[in-house]
Every structure is written in C-alpha cells, then in structure tokens.
C-alpha cells in the first residue's frame, strides 16, 4: 500500500511547537503511520536514532528510512523484536542484524533506546535506557546513507514509501523520537534517557511531526505525554 492512497491526515495533528505528546498506536494495521518524504536532505556518514516507547507487541518497528537507487531499495530499519532492539541497514547490501537484549515486556512501561553509527570505522553503538549494551566496528564502514529518502514512523517499508506488513507494524506508545546527522555521545544518550521532552534532533525532532503526513484511524494523539 502507498501512503498517498491509504492514509488520511488526522485533524488532531500536534502543533509544530509542541513536543509534549505521545502517539498511541492502538492496534496493528497497515494504514496507521506518519511519513515524510525527502527526510534526509544530504547524504550521511553518521547517524543517530533515539526514541521512547512502550512495548505492547512482540514485533514492532518504531521507524524506517528508505531510498531507491537504480531500482534497488536501500533500508535503515530500527525495530524491537521479542524484547530485543534490532538495527539493520542495506546500503545496498543487507548487513547482519545488530541485536541486543532489551527488557521483559511490560505493557505501559516506558523505555528509551538509541543507536549511533559512524561510517569511517563502521562503529555502531546500541543503548537501552541510557546504558551502552553493544559497541563494535566494521558495520557498513565506508558506506553512505543516501539523501532524499522516505521516513516512516510506525511501519516497515517493504517498498519505497509503502508495502507495509501488519505483523511488523508498531503497537503501543511512541514519544520523543530524535534523529541526528552525527553520532551523538554517550553523555548525550544519558541525558536523552532522563526525559522524553527534550525535543532534540538535527534531522528530525518530535515537534517536527506536524511537517509530515500522517495516520489512519487507530492512532491517538495524547497531550501531555505520560513518559518521563
């Protein structure tokens, strides 16, 4: 399914100035999500993604980013699978998944997660609730994340900007999503893990939600947020 055909913009879309809200995905569907085209205006050799969420299903994807080059789909996928954080990229060759154990699933309990990546040495670091859980090198070293792609919150993109899979759709609460064009420091991750209302991010900050298109009918915008 393509978002241009299937999603209706919500009348309760938060104001651009506000970051004190959460998105409640009440059920898994193929038509509930937020999307922004041309989300990364310049090619990237560093990237950080952070988000706050509650775990309400075994397989969920808070966000994905895709580009298309000569008919080849390039992915950046950030997901939570069976209580484990999963990060994977195809640039254009798929990498092995980087997975760390997260938490025992407790519906309604808030957690934060961050991943940082640097192309120079392929350094990847994964954090849960502000604590470094994995750091290694050789992950897509020398690669570039292309510009001009589509960012989707709440779904995995099986094709450029669409072809969603209900099994992998997000279910639960999501807040404080932040995306950076650099690898943020461990101290910055610690600061992020203490509050979902910081509204940071160079490529995307939570108050930017009003700049995209979004939602079907099973997503509620709740203000103020209930996360820390």
C-alpha atoms as a PDB file:
ATOM      1  CA  UNK A   1       0.000   0.000   0.000  1.00  0.00           C
ATOM      2  CA  UNK A   2       1.203   3.509  -0.725  1.00  0.00           C
ATOM      3  CA  UNK A   3       0.626   6.221   1.828  1.00  0.00           C
ATOM      4  CA  UNK A   4      -0.594   8.639  -0.835  1.00  0.00           C
ATOM      5  CA  UNK A   5      -3.586   6.376  -1.401  1.00  0.00           C
ATOM      6  CA  UNK A   6      -4.374   4.982   2.010  1.00  0.00           C
ATOM      7  CA  UNK A   7      -3.740   7.460   4.818  1.00  0.00           C
ATOM      8  CA  UNK A   8      -5.907  10.347   5.916  1.00  0.00           C
ATOM      9  CA  UNK A   9      -4.344  13.227   7.796  1.00  0.00           C
ATOM     10  CA  UNK A  10      -5.518  13.499  11.386  1.00  0.00           C
ATOM     11  CA  UNK A  11      -7.352  16.637  12.461  1.00  0.00           C
ATOM     12  CA  UNK A  12      -5.621  16.308  15.850  1.00  0.00           C
ATOM     13  CA  UNK A  13      -2.091  16.572  14.467  1.00  0.00           C
ATOM     14  CA  UNK A  14       0.049  18.300  17.136  1.00  0.00           C
ATOM     15  CA  UNK A  15       1.260  21.834  16.602  1.00  0.00           C
ATOM     16  CA  UNK A  16       4.821  22.117  15.340  1.00  0.00           C
ATOM     17  CA  UNK A  17       5.871  23.948  18.509  1.00  0.00           C
ATOM     18  CA  UNK A  18       4.819  21.117  20.821  1.00  0.00           C
ATOM     19  CA  UNK A  19       6.821  18.033  21.812  1.00  0.00           C
ATOM     20  CA  UNK A  20       4.783  17.205  24.926  1.00  0.00           C
ATOM     21  CA  UNK A  21       2.629  14.483  23.403  1.00  0.00           C
ATOM     22  CA  UNK A  22       2.675  10.802  22.525  1.00  0.00           C
ATOM     23  CA  UNK A  23       1.308   8.756  19.665  1.00  0.00           C
ATOM     24  CA  UNK A  24      -0.756   5.786  20.826  1.00  0.00           C
ATOM     25  CA  UNK A  25      -0.940   3.075  18.175  1.00  0.00           C
ATOM     26  CA  UNK A  26      -3.913   1.122  19.480  1.00  0.00           C
ATOM     27  CA  UNK A  27      -3.662  -1.822  17.134  1.00  0.00           C
ATOM     28  CA  UNK A  28      -1.530  -3.242  14.350  1.00  0.00           C
ATOM     29  CA  UNK A  29      -2.736  -2.104  10.936  1.00  0.00           C
ATOM     30  CA  UNK A  30      -1.270  -1.364   7.523  1.00  0.00           C
ATOM     31  CA  UNK A  31      -2.675   2.165   7.354  1.00  0.00           C
ATOM     32  CA  UNK A  32      -1.565   3.786  10.611  1.00  0.00           C
ATOM     33  CA  UNK A  33       1.696   5.695  10.408  1.00  0.00           C
ATOM     34  CA  UNK A  34       3.424   9.032   9.834  1.00  0.00           C
ATOM     35  CA  UNK A  35       5.531   9.764   6.762  1.00  0.00           C
ATOM     36  CA  UNK A  36       7.856  12.453   5.440  1.00  0.00           C
ATOM     37  CA  UNK A  37       9.447  12.483   2.008  1.00  0.00           C
ATOM     38  CA  UNK A  38      12.930  13.914   1.415  1.00  0.00           C
ATOM     39  CA  UNK A  39      13.525  13.378   5.118  1.00  0.00           C
ATOM     40  CA  UNK A  40      17.348  13.484   4.950  1.00  0.00           C
ATOM     41  CA  UNK A  41      18.343  16.408   2.703  1.00  0.00           C
ATOM     42  CA  UNK A  42      22.049  15.458   2.496  1.00  0.00           C
ATOM     43  CA  UNK A  43      23.950  12.148   2.325  1.00  0.00           C
ATOM     44  CA  UNK A  44      25.024  10.850   5.740  1.00  0.00           C
ATOM     45  CA  UNK A  45      28.152   9.174   7.007  1.00  0.00           C
ATOM     46  CA  UNK A  46      26.991   9.351  10.593  1.00  0.00           C
ATOM     47  CA  UNK A  47      23.551   8.750  12.094  1.00  0.00           C
ATOM     48  CA  UNK A  48      21.847   8.522  15.487  1.00  0.00           C
ATOM     49  CA  UNK A  49      18.280   7.432  16.210  1.00  0.00           C
ATOM     50  CA  UNK A  50      16.600   7.621  19.622  1.00  0.00           C
ATOM     51  CA  UNK A  51      13.051   7.026  20.765  1.00  0.00           C
ATOM     52  CA  UNK A  52      10.830   6.442  23.788  1.00  0.00           C
ATOM     53  CA  UNK A  53       8.197   3.706  23.634  1.00  0.00           C
ATOM     54  CA  UNK A  54       6.093   1.147  25.473  1.00  0.00           C
ATOM     55  CA  UNK A  55       6.177  -2.500  24.411  1.00  0.00           C
ATOM     56  CA  UNK A  56       2.717  -3.799  23.552  1.00  0.00           C
ATOM     57  CA  UNK A  57       3.605  -6.475  20.958  1.00  0.00           C
ATOM     58  CA  UNK A  58       6.435  -8.916  20.227  1.00  0.00           C
ATOM     59  CA  UNK A  59       7.424  -7.391  16.874  1.00  0.00           C
ATOM     60  CA  UNK A  60       7.239  -3.627  16.317  1.00  0.00           C
ATOM     61  CA  UNK A  61       9.119  -1.101  14.199  1.00  0.00           C
ATOM     62  CA  UNK A  62       9.165   2.474  15.502  1.00  0.00           C
ATOM     63  CA  UNK A  63      10.653   3.794  12.252  1.00  0.00           C
ATOM     64  CA  UNK A  64      12.265   3.030   8.894  1.00  0.00           C
ATOM     65  CA  UNK A  65      14.028   5.119   6.237  1.00  0.00           C
ATOM     66  CA  UNK A  66      14.341   4.078   2.576  1.00  0.00           C
ATOM     67  CA  UNK A  67      15.877   5.368  -0.635  1.00  0.00           C
ATOM     68  CA  UNK A  68      15.758   3.969  -4.167  1.00  0.00           C
ATOM     69  CA  UNK A  69      18.810   3.790  -6.453  1.00  0.00           C
ATOM     70  CA  UNK A  70      18.626   2.240  -9.930  1.00  0.00           C
ATOM     71  CA  UNK A  71      15.671   0.164  -8.836  1.00  0.00           C
ATOM     72  CA  UNK A  72      17.404  -1.050  -5.660  1.00  0.00           C
ATOM     73  CA  UNK A  73      15.769  -0.307  -2.297  1.00  0.00           C
ATOM     74  CA  UNK A  74      18.084   0.864   0.491  1.00  0.00           C
ATOM     75  CA  UNK A  75      16.899   0.441   4.093  1.00  0.00           C
ATOM     76  CA  UNK A  76      17.620   1.792   7.554  1.00  0.00           C
ATOM     77  CA  UNK A  77      15.436  -0.222   9.957  1.00  0.00           C
ATOM     78  CA  UNK A  78      15.047   0.297  13.706  1.00  0.00           C
ATOM     79  CA  UNK A  79      12.864  -2.275  15.423  1.00  0.00           C
ATOM     80  CA  UNK A  80      12.047  -4.169  18.607  1.00  0.00           C
ATOM     81  CA  UNK A  81      11.688  -7.914  18.155  1.00  0.00           C
ATOM     82  CA  UNK A  82      10.893 -10.260  21.033  1.00  0.00           C
ATOM     83  CA  UNK A  83      12.122  -7.738  23.607  1.00  0.00           C
ATOM     84  CA  UNK A  84      15.342  -7.086  21.684  1.00  0.00           C
ATOM     85  CA  UNK A  85      16.477  -3.929  19.928  1.00  0.00           C
ATOM     86  CA  UNK A  86      17.230  -4.548  16.252  1.00  0.00           C
ATOM     87  CA  UNK A  87      19.112  -2.251  13.873  1.00  0.00           C
ATOM     88  CA  UNK A  88      19.778  -3.130  10.237  1.00  0.00           C
ATOM     89  CA  UNK A  89      20.877  -1.297   7.100  1.00  0.00           C
ATOM     90  CA  UNK A  90      21.111  -2.189   3.402  1.00  0.00           C
ATOM     91  CA  UNK A  91      23.374   0.218   1.537  1.00  0.00           C
ATOM     92  CA  UNK A  92      22.517  -1.560  -0.768  1.00  0.00           C
ATOM     93  CA  UNK A  93      23.741  -4.932   0.601  1.00  0.00           C
ATOM     94  CA  UNK A  94      21.903  -6.049   3.739  1.00  0.00           C
ATOM     95  CA  UNK A  95      24.018  -6.185   6.852  1.00  0.00           C
ATOM     96  CA  UNK A  96      23.716  -8.762   9.546  1.00  0.00           C
ATOM     97  CA  UNK A  97      21.221  -7.541  12.121  1.00  0.00           C
ATOM     98  CA  UNK A  98      22.657  -5.935  15.228  1.00  0.00           C
ATOM     99  CA  UNK A  99      20.538  -7.128  18.134  1.00  0.00           C
ATOM    100  CA  UNK A 100      20.740  -6.598  21.894  1.00  0.00           C
ATOM    101  CA  UNK A 101      18.501  -7.824  24.670  1.00  0.00           C
ATOM    102  CA  UNK A 102      16.245  -5.080  25.904  1.00  0.00           C
ATOM    103  CA  UNK A 103      13.633  -5.704  28.565  1.00  0.00           C
ATOM    104  CA  UNK A 104      10.973  -8.047  29.729  1.00  0.00           C
ATOM    105  CA  UNK A 105       7.797  -6.838  28.060  1.00  0.00           C
ATOM    106  CA  UNK A 106       5.569  -4.970  30.488  1.00  0.00           C
ATOM    107  CA  UNK A 107       2.692  -3.164  28.764  1.00  0.00           C
ATOM    108  CA  UNK A 108       2.555   0.507  29.661  1.00  0.00           C
ATOM    109  CA  UNK A 109       6.142   0.736  30.960  1.00  0.00           C
ATOM    110  CA  UNK A 110       8.244   3.368  29.180  1.00  0.00           C
ATOM    111  CA  UNK A 111      11.771   2.686  27.878  1.00  0.00           C
ATOM    112  CA  UNK A 112      14.257   4.581  25.754  1.00  0.00           C
ATOM    113  CA  UNK A 113      16.638   3.253  23.111  1.00  0.00           C
ATOM    114  CA  UNK A 114      19.350   4.832  20.963  1.00  0.00           C
ATOM    115  CA  UNK A 115      21.617   3.622  18.175  1.00  0.00           C
ATOM    116  CA  UNK A 116      24.586   5.536  16.776  1.00  0.00           C
ATOM    117  CA  UNK A 117      26.623   4.774  13.640  1.00  0.00           C
ATOM    118  CA  UNK A 118      29.778   6.174  12.044  1.00  0.00           C
ATOM    119  CA  UNK A 119      30.858   5.232   8.531  1.00  0.00           C
ATOM    120  CA  UNK A 120      34.599   5.851   8.976  1.00  0.00           C
ATOM    121  CA  UNK A 121      35.269   2.692  11.010  1.00  0.00           C
ATOM    122  CA  UNK A 122      31.776   1.265  10.923  1.00  0.00           C
ATOM    123  CA  UNK A 123      31.338   1.980  14.630  1.00  0.00           C
ATOM    124  CA  UNK A 124      27.867   1.102  15.899  1.00  0.00           C
ATOM    125  CA  UNK A 125      26.653   1.535  19.466  1.00  0.00           C
ATOM    126  CA  UNK A 126      23.304   0.458  20.917  1.00  0.00           C
ATOM    127  CA  UNK A 127      21.881   1.776  24.179  1.00  0.00           C
ATOM    128  CA  UNK A 128      18.845   0.887  26.272  1.00  0.00           C
ATOM    129  CA  UNK A 129      17.591   3.261  28.971  1.00  0.00           C
ATOM    130  CA  UNK A 130      20.826   5.231  28.701  1.00  0.00           C
ATOM    131  CA  UNK A 131      23.167   2.240  29.178  1.00  0.00           C
ATOM    132  CA  UNK A 132      25.587   1.113  26.450  1.00  0.00           C
ATOM    133  CA  UNK A 133      24.773  -2.527  25.634  1.00  0.00           C
ATOM    134  CA  UNK A 134      26.848  -3.119  22.500  1.00  0.00           C
ATOM    135  CA  UNK A 135      29.628  -1.362  20.619  1.00  0.00           C
ATOM    136  CA  UNK A 136      31.508  -2.781  17.649  1.00  0.00           C
ATOM    137  CA  UNK A 137      33.283  -1.787  14.446  1.00  0.00           C
ATOM    138  CA  UNK A 138      33.049  -2.900  10.825  1.00  0.00           C
ATOM    139  CA  UNK A 139      29.326  -2.194  10.418  1.00  0.00           C
ATOM    140  CA  UNK A 140      28.926  -0.731   6.909  1.00  0.00           C
ATOM    141  CA  UNK A 141      32.268   1.032   7.205  1.00  0.00           C
ATOM    142  CA  UNK A 142      32.880   3.360   4.271  1.00  0.00           C
ATOM    143  CA  UNK A 143      29.179   3.438   3.362  1.00  0.00           C
ATOM    144  CA  UNK A 144      26.878   6.408   2.855  1.00  0.00           C
ATOM    145  CA  UNK A 145      23.186   6.758   3.692  1.00  0.00           C
ATOM    146  CA  UNK A 146      21.649   8.456   0.682  1.00  0.00           C
ATOM    147  CA  UNK A 147      19.620  11.631   0.830  1.00  0.00           C
ATOM    148  CA  UNK A 148      16.108  12.240  -0.445  1.00  0.00           C
ATOM    149  CA  UNK A 149      14.506   9.176   1.097  1.00  0.00           C
ATOM    150  CA  UNK A 150      11.231   8.496   2.874  1.00  0.00           C
ATOM    151  CA  UNK A 151      10.983   8.331   6.673  1.00  0.00           C
ATOM    152  CA  UNK A 152       8.074   6.337   8.091  1.00  0.00           C
ATOM    153  CA  UNK A 153       7.128   6.120  11.761  1.00  0.00           C
ATOM    154  CA  UNK A 154       5.063   3.101  12.765  1.00  0.00           C
ATOM    155  CA  UNK A 155       5.743   0.732   9.834  1.00  0.00           C
ATOM    156  CA  UNK A 156       8.429  -1.175   7.916  1.00  0.00           C
ATOM    157  CA  UNK A 157       8.696  -0.143   4.276  1.00  0.00           C
ATOM    158  CA  UNK A 158       8.688  -3.192   2.019  1.00  0.00           C
ATOM    159  CA  UNK A 159       8.977  -0.884  -0.963  1.00  0.00           C
ATOM    160  CA  UNK A 160       9.829   2.792  -1.309  1.00  0.00           C
ATOM    161  CA  UNK A 161       7.260   4.552   0.895  1.00  0.00           C
ATOM    162  CA  UNK A 162       4.859   1.622   1.178  1.00  0.00           C
ATOM    163  CA  UNK A 163       4.139  -2.122   1.024  1.00  0.00           C
ATOM    164  CA  UNK A 164       3.605  -2.314   4.790  1.00  0.00           C
ATOM    165  CA  UNK A 165       3.373  -5.549   6.779  1.00  0.00           C
ATOM    166  CA  UNK A 166       0.771  -5.619   9.547  1.00  0.00           C
ATOM    167  CA  UNK A 167       2.819  -8.163  11.519  1.00  0.00           C
ATOM    168  CA  UNK A 168       5.675  -5.663  11.879  1.00  0.00           C
ATOM    169  CA  UNK A 169       3.516  -2.583  12.428  1.00  0.00           C
ATOM    170  CA  UNK A 170       4.028  -0.612  15.613  1.00  0.00           C
ATOM    171  CA  UNK A 171       1.660  -1.132  18.527  1.00  0.00           C
ATOM    172  CA  UNK A 172       1.996   0.831  21.750  1.00  0.00           C
ATOM    173  CA  UNK A 173       3.001   4.360  22.708  1.00  0.00           C
ATOM    174  CA  UNK A 174       5.740   6.328  20.998  1.00  0.00           C
ATOM    175  CA  UNK A 175       7.302   9.645  22.031  1.00  0.00           C
ATOM    176  CA  UNK A 176      10.391  11.798  21.808  1.00  0.00           C
ATOM    177  CA  UNK A 177      11.745  10.430  18.530  1.00  0.00           C
ATOM    178  CA  UNK A 178      15.033  12.141  17.660  1.00  0.00           C
ATOM    179  CA  UNK A 179      17.257  11.628  14.597  1.00  0.00           C
ATOM    180  CA  UNK A 180      20.702  13.212  14.212  1.00  0.00           C
ATOM    181  CA  UNK A 181      23.144  13.599  11.315  1.00  0.00           C
ATOM    182  CA  UNK A 182      26.011  12.656  13.633  1.00  0.00           C
ATOM    183  CA  UNK A 183      26.903  10.034  16.189  1.00  0.00           C
ATOM    184  CA  UNK A 184      25.810  11.540  19.492  1.00  0.00           C
ATOM    185  CA  UNK A 185      27.967  10.959  22.565  1.00  0.00           C
ATOM    186  CA  UNK A 186      27.336   8.612  25.466  1.00  0.00           C
ATOM    187  CA  UNK A 187      26.687  11.648  27.668  1.00  0.00           C
ATOM    188  CA  UNK A 188      24.034  12.874  25.245  1.00  0.00           C
ATOM    189  CA  UNK A 189      22.390   9.455  25.295  1.00  0.00           C
ATOM    190  CA  UNK A 190      22.356   9.555  29.106  1.00  0.00           C
ATOM    191  CA  UNK A 191      20.687  12.969  29.035  1.00  0.00           C
ATOM    192  CA  UNK A 192      18.141  11.734  26.498  1.00  0.00           C
ATOM    193  CA  UNK A 193      17.270   8.731  28.675  1.00  0.00           C
ATOM    194  CA  UNK A 194      16.189  11.005  31.517  1.00  0.00           C
ATOM    195  CA  UNK A 195      13.434  12.852  29.646  1.00  0.00           C
ATOM    196  CA  UNK A 196      11.301  12.280  26.539  1.00  0.00           C
ATOM    197  CA  UNK A 197      10.546  16.004  26.245  1.00  0.00           C
ATOM    198  CA  UNK A 198      13.979  17.340  25.203  1.00  0.00           C
ATOM    199  CA  UNK A 199      12.867  17.838  21.580  1.00  0.00           C
ATOM    200  CA  UNK A 200      16.374  17.408  20.161  1.00  0.00           C
ATOM    201  CA  UNK A 201      17.483  16.134  16.757  1.00  0.00           C
ATOM    202  CA  UNK A 202      19.126  17.692  13.705  1.00  0.00           C
ATOM    203  CA  UNK A 203      17.269  15.654  11.064  1.00  0.00           C
ATOM    204  CA  UNK A 204      14.058  15.082  12.990  1.00  0.00           C
ATOM    205  CA  UNK A 205      12.810  16.197  16.385  1.00  0.00           C
ATOM    206  CA  UNK A 206       9.477  15.289  17.927  1.00  0.00           C
ATOM    207  CA  UNK A 207       7.863  18.659  17.289  1.00  0.00           C
ATOM    208  CA  UNK A 208       8.508  18.129  13.546  1.00  0.00           C
ATOM    209  CA  UNK A 209       5.589  15.706  13.390  1.00  0.00           C
ATOM    210  CA  UNK A 210       3.408  18.499  12.028  1.00  0.00           C
ATOM    211  CA  UNK A 211       5.638  18.768   8.953  1.00  0.00           C
ATOM    212  CA  UNK A 212       4.720  15.352   7.562  1.00  0.00           C
ATOM    213  CA  UNK A 213       1.616  13.427   6.580  1.00  0.00           C
ATOM    214  CA  UNK A 214       0.039  11.000   8.913  1.00  0.00           C
ATOM    215  CA  UNK A 215      -2.140   8.484  10.493  1.00  0.00           C
ATOM    216  CA  UNK A 216      -5.075   6.274   9.793  1.00  0.00           C
ATOM    217  CA  UNK A 217      -7.808   5.797  12.351  1.00  0.00           C
ATOM    218  CA  UNK A 218      -6.181   3.675  15.095  1.00  0.00           C
ATOM    219  CA  UNK A 219      -3.676   6.273  16.341  1.00  0.00           C
ATOM    220  CA  UNK A 220      -4.466   8.720  19.138  1.00  0.00           C
ATOM    221  CA  UNK A 221      -2.506  11.883  19.854  1.00  0.00           C
ATOM    222  CA  UNK A 222      -2.346  12.249  23.640  1.00  0.00           C
ATOM    223  CA  UNK A 223      -1.292  15.545  25.217  1.00  0.00           C
ATOM    224  CA  UNK A 224       0.547  15.831  27.514  1.00  0.00           C
ATOM    225  CA  UNK A 225       2.702  12.763  27.227  1.00  0.00           C
ATOM    226  CA  UNK A 226       2.887  10.199  30.030  1.00  0.00           C
ATOM    227  CA  UNK A 227       6.554   9.307  29.529  1.00  0.00           C
ATOM    228  CA  UNK A 228       9.237  10.625  31.908  1.00  0.00           C
END
